[in-house]
Amino acid sequence: MSDASMIGCVGTLIVATRGAHGPGEVVLSVRGSKETFLARSHEPLPKGTPVLVVGVRGSRTVLVEPWTEMAATELL
């Protein structure tokens, strides 16, 4: 999977992010299986937050933002 194709993937944080103070960890479905990546965000996000990948830094680090659409969809 190329770096660009990771953008737009939705996952869930399994380790909270600490904003500028450090990464967390996110699980994403890629290449037909679930994989974990380091997750960086501008603001701290708690464990369990649904997130959207908005950027990629290297092969194992992604930039994420909270993804509220996932939570709304799961309620249906």
PDB file of N, CA and C in Angstrom:
ATOM      1  N   MET A   1       0.852  -1.167   0.000  1.00  0.00           N
ATOM      2  CA  MET A   1       0.000   0.000   0.000  1.00  0.00           C
ATOM      3  C   MET A   1       0.895   1.226   0.000  1.00  0.00           C
ATOM      4  N   SER A   2       0.623   2.150  -0.913  1.00  0.00           N
ATOM      5  CA  SER A   2       1.433   3.355  -0.966  1.00  0.00           C
ATOM      6  C   SER A   2       1.026   4.317   0.148  1.00  0.00           C
ATOM      7  N   ASP A   3       1.918   5.247   0.455  1.00  0.00           N
ATOM      8  CA  ASP A   3       1.630   6.226   1.502  1.00  0.00           C
ATOM      9  C   ASP A   3       0.356   7.000   1.210  1.00  0.00           C
ATOM     10  N   ALA A   4       0.170   7.410  -0.038  1.00  0.00           N
ATOM     11  CA  ALA A   4      -0.994   8.221  -0.397  1.00  0.00           C
ATOM     12  C   ALA A   4      -2.295   7.464  -0.196  1.00  0.00           C
ATOM     13  N   SER A   5      -2.287   6.146  -0.391  1.00  0.00           N
ATOM     14  CA  SER A   5      -3.528   5.382  -0.255  1.00  0.00           C
ATOM     15  C   SER A   5      -3.944   5.201   1.201  1.00  0.00           C
ATOM     16  N   MET A   6      -3.074   5.486   2.145  1.00  0.00           N
ATOM     17  CA  MET A   6      -3.433   5.421   3.560  1.00  0.00           C
ATOM     18  C   MET A   6      -4.340   6.594   3.943  1.00  0.00           C
ATOM     19  N   ILE A   7      -4.196   7.722   3.245  1.00  0.00           N
ATOM     20  CA  ILE A   7      -5.002   8.893   3.537  1.00  0.00           C
ATOM     21  C   ILE A   7      -6.466   8.567   3.246  1.00  0.00           C
ATOM     22  N   GLY A   8      -7.304   8.853   4.230  1.00  0.00           N
ATOM     23  CA  GLY A   8      -8.728   8.555   4.096  1.00  0.00           C
ATOM     24  C   GLY A   8      -9.146   7.288   4.822  1.00  0.00           C
ATOM     25  N   CYS A   9      -8.189   6.494   5.284  1.00  0.00           N
ATOM     26  CA  CYS A   9      -8.519   5.295   6.059  1.00  0.00           C
ATOM     27  C   CYS A   9      -9.056   5.710   7.425  1.00  0.00           C
ATOM     28  N   VAL A  10     -10.003   4.938   7.941  1.00  0.00           N
ATOM     29  CA  VAL A  10     -10.591   5.205   9.248  1.00  0.00           C
ATOM     30  C   VAL A  10     -10.199   4.075  10.187  1.00  0.00           C
ATOM     31  N   GLY A  11      -9.823   4.424  11.415  1.00  0.00           N
ATOM     32  CA  GLY A  11      -9.438   3.427  12.406  1.00  0.00           C
ATOM     33  C   GLY A  11      -9.811   3.874  13.797  1.00  0.00           C
ATOM     34  N   THR A  12      -9.321   3.138  14.789  1.00  0.00           N
ATOM     35  CA  THR A  12      -9.604   3.428  16.187  1.00  0.00           C
ATOM     36  C   THR A  12      -8.299   3.487  16.967  1.00  0.00           C
ATOM     37  N   LEU A  13      -8.176   4.505  17.826  1.00  0.00           N
ATOM     38  CA  LEU A  13      -6.978   4.605  18.654  1.00  0.00           C
ATOM     39  C   LEU A  13      -6.981   3.505  19.713  1.00  0.00           C
ATOM     40  N   ILE A  14      -5.864   2.799  19.821  1.00  0.00           N
ATOM     41  CA  ILE A  14      -5.720   1.790  20.873  1.00  0.00           C
ATOM     42  C   ILE A  14      -4.786   2.281  21.970  1.00  0.00           C
ATOM     43  N   VAL A  15      -4.074   3.369  21.685  1.00  0.00           N
ATOM     44  CA  VAL A  15      -3.271   4.092  22.672  1.00  0.00           C
ATOM     45  C   VAL A  15      -3.531   5.571  22.432  1.00  0.00           C
ATOM     46  N   ALA A  16      -3.869   6.316  23.480  1.00  0.00           N
ATOM     47  CA  ALA A  16      -4.188   7.737  23.352  1.00  0.00           C
ATOM     48  C   ALA A  16      -3.030   8.518  22.754  1.00  0.00           C
ATOM     49  N   THR A  17      -3.351   9.555  21.965  1.00  0.00           N
ATOM     50  CA  THR A  17      -2.317  10.474  21.492  1.00  0.00           C
ATOM     51  C   THR A  17      -2.158  11.581  22.523  1.00  0.00           C
ATOM     52  N   ARG A  18      -1.000  12.230  22.504  1.00  0.00           N
ATOM     53  CA  ARG A  18      -0.739  13.307  23.459  1.00  0.00           C
ATOM     54  C   ARG A  18      -0.472  14.625  22.748  1.00  0.00           C
ATOM     55  N   GLY A  19      -1.030  14.786  21.553  1.00  0.00           N
ATOM     56  CA  GLY A  19      -0.825  16.014  20.790  1.00  0.00           C
ATOM     57  C   GLY A  19       0.641  16.224  20.489  1.00  0.00           C
ATOM     58  N   ALA A  20       1.133  17.426  20.755  1.00  0.00           N
ATOM     59  CA  ALA A  20       2.542  17.757  20.485  1.00  0.00           C
ATOM     60  C   ALA A  20       3.503  17.009  21.396  1.00  0.00           C
ATOM     61  N   HIS A  21       2.995  16.383  22.461  1.00  0.00           N
ATOM     62  CA  HIS A  21       3.861  15.710  23.428  1.00  0.00           C
ATOM     63  C   HIS A  21       4.121  14.239  23.116  1.00  0.00           C
ATOM     64  N   GLY A  22       3.515  13.711  22.054  1.00  0.00           N
ATOM     65  CA  GLY A  22       3.841  12.340  21.693  1.00  0.00           C
ATOM     66  C   GLY A  22       2.740  11.611  20.955  1.00  0.00           C
ATOM     67  N   PRO A  23       3.117  10.551  20.245  1.00  0.00           N
ATOM     68  CA  PRO A  23       2.152   9.786  19.460  1.00  0.00           C
ATOM     69  C   PRO A  23       1.388   8.779  20.296  1.00  0.00           C
ATOM     70  N   GLY A  24       0.309   8.326  19.707  1.00  0.00           N
ATOM     71  CA  GLY A  24      -0.436   7.191  20.240  1.00  0.00           C
ATOM     72  C   GLY A  24      -0.307   6.054  19.247  1.00  0.00           C
ATOM     73  N   GLU A  25      -1.306   5.186  19.229  1.00  0.00           N
ATOM     74  CA  GLU A  25      -1.281   4.060  18.303  1.00  0.00           C
ATOM     75  C   GLU A  25      -2.691   3.833  17.777  1.00  0.00           C
ATOM     76  N   VAL A  26      -2.791   3.541  16.477  1.00  0.00           N
ATOM     77  CA  VAL A  26      -4.080   3.330  15.825  1.00  0.00           C
ATOM     78  C   VAL A  26      -4.060   1.984  15.111  1.00  0.00           C
ATOM     79  N   VAL A  27      -5.212   1.313  15.080  1.00  0.00           N
ATOM     80  CA  VAL A  27      -5.355   0.091  14.307  1.00  0.00           C
ATOM     81  C   VAL A  27      -6.179   0.428  13.064  1.00  0.00           C
ATOM     82  N   LEU A  28      -5.620   0.027  11.894  1.00  0.00           N
ATOM     83  CA  LEU A  28      -6.252   0.290  10.601  1.00  0.00           C
ATOM     84  C   LEU A  28      -6.364  -1.004   9.812  1.00  0.00           C
ATOM     85  N   SER A  29      -7.380  -1.100   8.972  1.00  0.00           N
ATOM     86  CA  SER A  29      -7.494  -2.227   8.052  1.00  0.00           C
ATOM     87  C   SER A  29      -6.775  -1.849   6.761  1.00  0.00           C
ATOM     88  N   VAL A  30      -5.655  -2.514   6.511  1.00  0.00           N
ATOM     89  CA  VAL A  30      -4.866  -2.276   5.300  1.00  0.00           C
ATOM     90  C   VAL A  30      -4.347  -3.608   4.775  1.00  0.00           C
ATOM     91  N   ARG A  31      -4.166  -3.662   3.487  1.00  0.00           N
ATOM     92  CA  ARG A  31      -3.625  -4.874   2.846  1.00  0.00           C
ATOM     93  C   ARG A  31      -4.380  -6.129   3.254  1.00  0.00           C
ATOM     94  N   GLY A  32      -5.683  -6.006   3.507  1.00  0.00           N
ATOM     95  CA  GLY A  32      -6.504  -7.162   3.834  1.00  0.00           C
ATOM     96  C   GLY A  32      -6.397  -7.654   5.261  1.00  0.00           C
ATOM     97  N   SER A  33      -5.718  -6.901   6.118  1.00  0.00           N
ATOM     98  CA  SER A  33      -5.629  -7.299   7.520  1.00  0.00           C
ATOM     99  C   SER A  33      -5.548  -6.050   8.393  1.00  0.00           C
ATOM    100  N   LYS A  34      -5.641  -6.249   9.691  1.00  0.00           N
ATOM    101  CA  LYS A  34      -5.533  -5.133  10.625  1.00  0.00           C
ATOM    102  C   LYS A  34      -4.069  -4.945  11.006  1.00  0.00           C
ATOM    103  N   GLU A  35      -3.619  -3.691  10.963  1.00  0.00           N
ATOM    104  CA  GLU A  35      -2.241  -3.364  11.318  1.00  0.00           C
ATOM    105  C   GLU A  35      -2.243  -2.160  12.242  1.00  0.00           C
ATOM    106  N   THR A  36      -1.214  -2.055  13.068  1.00  0.00           N
ATOM    107  CA  THR A  36      -1.093  -0.907  13.962  1.00  0.00           C
ATOM    108  C   THR A  36      -0.034   0.053  13.431  1.00  0.00           C
ATOM    109  N   PHE A  37      -0.282   1.341  13.664  1.00  0.00           N
ATOM    110  CA  PHE A  37       0.617   2.400  13.238  1.00  0.00           C
ATOM    111  C   PHE A  37       0.743   3.414  14.367  1.00  0.00           C
ATOM    112  N   LEU A  38       1.862   4.107  14.437  1.00  0.00           N
ATOM    113  CA  LEU A  38       1.968   5.251  15.334  1.00  0.00           C
ATOM    114  C   LEU A  38       1.004   6.308  14.818  1.00  0.00           C
ATOM    115  N   ALA A  39       0.323   6.985  15.729  1.00  0.00           N
ATOM    116  CA  ALA A  39      -0.665   7.996  15.345  1.00  0.00           C
ATOM    117  C   ALA A  39      -0.312   9.321  15.999  1.00  0.00           C
ATOM    118  N   ARG A  40      -0.178  10.346  15.196  1.00  0.00           N
ATOM    119  CA  ARG A  40       0.082  11.694  15.707  1.00  0.00           C
ATOM    120  C   ARG A  40      -1.143  12.551  15.433  1.00  0.00           C
ATOM    121  N   SER A  41      -1.446  13.459  16.364  1.00  0.00           N
ATOM    122  CA  SER A  41      -2.567  14.383  16.206  1.00  0.00           C
ATOM    123  C   SER A  41      -2.170  15.738  16.771  1.00  0.00           C
ATOM    124  N   HIS A  42      -2.854  16.782  16.317  1.00  0.00           N
ATOM    125  CA  HIS A  42      -2.557  18.134  16.807  1.00  0.00           C
ATOM    126  C   HIS A  42      -2.972  18.288  18.264  1.00  0.00           C
ATOM    127  N   GLU A  43      -4.091  17.677  18.636  1.00  0.00           N
ATOM    128  CA  GLU A  43      -4.610  17.752  20.005  1.00  0.00           C
ATOM    129  C   GLU A  43      -4.599  16.356  20.614  1.00  0.00           C
ATOM    130  N   PRO A  44      -4.481  16.238  21.918  1.00  0.00           N
ATOM    131  CA  PRO A  44      -4.562  14.920  22.554  1.00  0.00           C
ATOM    132  C   PRO A  44      -5.925  14.270  22.278  1.00  0.00           C
ATOM    133  N   LEU A  45      -5.903  12.979  21.976  1.00  0.00           N
ATOM    134  CA  LEU A  45      -7.128  12.217  21.726  1.00  0.00           C
ATOM    135  C   LEU A  45      -7.122  10.971  22.608  1.00  0.00           C
ATOM    136  N   PRO A  46      -8.250  10.641  23.240  1.00  0.00           N
ATOM    137  CA  PRO A  46      -8.284   9.488  24.137  1.00  0.00           C
ATOM    138  C   PRO A  46      -8.342   8.148  23.396  1.00  0.00           C
ATOM    139  N   LYS A  47      -7.921   7.120  24.108  1.00  0.00           N
ATOM    140  CA  LYS A  47      -8.021   5.748  23.606  1.00  0.00           C
ATOM    141  C   LYS A  47      -9.477   5.477  23.240  1.00  0.00           C
ATOM    142  N   GLY A  48      -9.693   4.773  22.116  1.00  0.00           N
ATOM    143  CA  GLY A  48     -11.039   4.432  21.671  1.00  0.00           C
ATOM    144  C   GLY A  48     -11.646   5.419  20.695  1.00  0.00           C
ATOM    145  N   THR A  49     -10.957   6.548  20.457  1.00  0.00           N
ATOM    146  CA  THR A  49     -11.474   7.563  19.537  1.00  0.00           C
ATOM    147  C   THR A  49     -11.413   7.056  18.101  1.00  0.00           C
ATOM    148  N   PRO A  50     -12.528   7.129  17.354  1.00  0.00           N
ATOM    149  CA  PRO A  50     -12.468   6.850  15.917  1.00  0.00           C
ATOM    150  C   PRO A  50     -11.706   7.984  15.240  1.00  0.00           C
ATOM    151  N   VAL A  51     -10.788   7.659  14.330  1.00  0.00           N
ATOM    152  CA  VAL A  51      -9.956   8.673  13.686  1.00  0.00           C
ATOM    153  C   VAL A  51      -9.877   8.456  12.177  1.00  0.00           C
ATOM    154  N   LEU A  52      -9.592   9.552  11.474  1.00  0.00           N
ATOM    155  CA  LEU A  52      -9.401   9.565  10.033  1.00  0.00           C
ATOM    156  C   LEU A  52      -7.942   9.894   9.756  1.00  0.00           C
ATOM    157  N   VAL A  53      -7.300   9.137   8.882  1.00  0.00           N
ATOM    158  CA  VAL A  53      -5.912   9.410   8.496  1.00  0.00           C
ATOM    159  C   VAL A  53      -5.923  10.573   7.508  1.00  0.00           C
ATOM    160  N   VAL A  54      -5.211  11.655   7.854  1.00  0.00           N
ATOM    161  CA  VAL A  54      -5.154  12.844   7.004  1.00  0.00           C
ATOM    162  C   VAL A  54      -3.756  13.096   6.446  1.00  0.00           C
ATOM    163  N   GLY A  55      -2.787  12.298   6.870  1.00  0.00           N
ATOM    164  CA  GLY A  55      -1.426  12.439   6.376  1.00  0.00           C
ATOM    165  C   GLY A  55      -0.577  11.263   6.787  1.00  0.00           C
ATOM    166  N   VAL A  56       0.579  11.142   6.161  1.00  0.00           N
ATOM    167  CA  VAL A  56       1.495  10.024   6.422  1.00  0.00           C
ATOM    168  C   VAL A  56       2.889  10.581   6.640  1.00  0.00           C
ATOM    169  N   ARG A  57       3.578  10.072   7.657  1.00  0.00           N
ATOM    170  CA  ARG A  57       4.979  10.411   7.921  1.00  0.00           C
ATOM    171  C   ARG A  57       5.771   9.119   7.960  1.00  0.00           C
ATOM    172  N   GLY A  58       6.421   8.796   6.894  1.00  0.00           N
ATOM    173  CA  GLY A  58       7.190   7.557   6.840  1.00  0.00           C
ATOM    174  C   GLY A  58       6.281   6.358   6.636  1.00  0.00           C
ATOM    175  N   SER A  59       6.834   5.181   6.865  1.00  0.00           N
ATOM    176  CA  SER A  59       6.068   3.966   6.568  1.00  0.00           C
ATOM    177  C   SER A  59       5.175   3.491   7.708  1.00  0.00           C
ATOM    178  N   ARG A  60       5.398   3.943   8.949  1.00  0.00           N
ATOM    179  CA  ARG A  60       4.616   3.422  10.079  1.00  0.00           C
ATOM    180  C   ARG A  60       3.993   4.508  10.963  1.00  0.00           C
ATOM    181  N   THR A  61       3.970   5.767  10.496  1.00  0.00           N
ATOM    182  CA  THR A  61       3.385   6.851  11.279  1.00  0.00           C
ATOM    183  C   THR A  61       2.355   7.595  10.442  1.00  0.00           C
ATOM    184  N   VAL A  62       1.175   7.810  11.020  1.00  0.00           N
ATOM    185  CA  VAL A  62       0.114   8.522  10.328  1.00  0.00           C
ATOM    186  C   VAL A  62      -0.339   9.726  11.149  1.00  0.00           C
ATOM    187  N   LEU A  63      -0.850  10.738  10.475  1.00  0.00           N
ATOM    188  CA  LEU A  63      -1.446  11.905  11.109  1.00  0.00           C
ATOM    189  C   LEU A  63      -2.951  11.688  11.122  1.00  0.00           C
ATOM    190  N   VAL A  64      -3.586  11.881  12.272  1.00  0.00           N
ATOM    191  CA  VAL A  64      -5.008  11.582  12.392  1.00  0.00           C
ATOM    192  C   VAL A  64      -5.789  12.758  12.972  1.00  0.00           C
ATOM    193  N   GLU A  65      -7.088  12.759  12.684  1.00  0.00           N
ATOM    194  CA  GLU A  65      -8.042  13.688  13.261  1.00  0.00           C
ATOM    195  C   GLU A  65      -9.233  12.872  13.748  1.00  0.00           C
ATOM    196  N   PRO A  66      -9.967  13.383  14.736  1.00  0.00           N
ATOM    197  CA  PRO A  66     -11.158  12.660  15.197  1.00  0.00           C
ATOM    198  C   PRO A  66     -12.142  12.479  14.041  1.00  0.00           C
ATOM    199  N   TRP A  67     -12.823  11.350  14.010  1.00  0.00           N
ATOM    200  CA  TRP A  67     -13.761  11.031  12.930  1.00  0.00           C
ATOM    201  C   TRP A  67     -15.126  10.757  13.538  1.00  0.00           C
ATOM    202  N   THR A  68     -15.989  11.752  13.531  1.00  0.00           N
ATOM    203  CA  THR A  68     -17.307  11.621  14.160  1.00  0.00           C
ATOM    204  C   THR A  68     -18.294  10.863  13.294  1.00  0.00           C
ATOM    205  N   GLU A  69     -18.086  10.800  11.995  1.00  0.00           N
ATOM    206  CA  GLU A  69     -19.010  10.061  11.114  1.00  0.00           C
ATOM    207  C   GLU A  69     -19.054   8.585  11.480  1.00  0.00           C
ATOM    208  N   MET A  70     -17.923   8.000  11.874  1.00  0.00           N
ATOM    209  CA  MET A  70     -17.882   6.584  12.225  1.00  0.00           C
ATOM    210  C   MET A  70     -18.773   6.317  13.431  1.00  0.00           C
ATOM    211  N   ALA A  71     -18.703   7.171  14.424  1.00  0.00           N
ATOM    212  CA  ALA A  71     -19.500   6.971  15.622  1.00  0.00           C
ATOM    213  C   ALA A  71     -20.987   7.079  15.288  1.00  0.00           C
ATOM    214  N   ALA A  72     -21.376   8.010  14.443  1.00  0.00           N
ATOM    215  CA  ALA A  72     -22.773   8.170  14.074  1.00  0.00           C
ATOM    216  C   ALA A  72     -23.262   6.974  13.265  1.00  0.00           C
ATOM    217  N   THR A  73     -22.424   6.443  12.384  1.00  0.00           N
ATOM    218  CA  THR A  73     -22.793   5.293  11.566  1.00  0.00           C
ATOM    219  C   THR A  73     -22.992   4.049  12.425  1.00  0.00           C
ATOM    220  N   GLU A  74     -22.158   3.869  13.444  1.00  0.00           N
ATOM    221  CA  GLU A  74     -22.267   2.676  14.283  1.00  0.00           C
ATOM    222  C   GLU A  74     -23.555   2.660  15.102  1.00  0.00           C
ATOM    223  N   LEU A  75     -24.162   3.824  15.315  1.00  0.00           N
ATOM    224  CA  LEU A  75     -25.400   3.889  16.088  1.00  0.00           C
ATOM    225  C   LEU A  75     -26.599   3.410  15.286  1.00  0.00           C
ATOM    226  N   LEU A  76     -26.484   3.404  13.954  1.00  0.00           N
ATOM    227  CA  LEU A  76     -27.609   3.001  13.102  1.00  0.00           C
ATOM    228  C   LEU A  76     -27.832   1.515  13.103  1.00  0.00           C
TER     229      LEU A  76
END
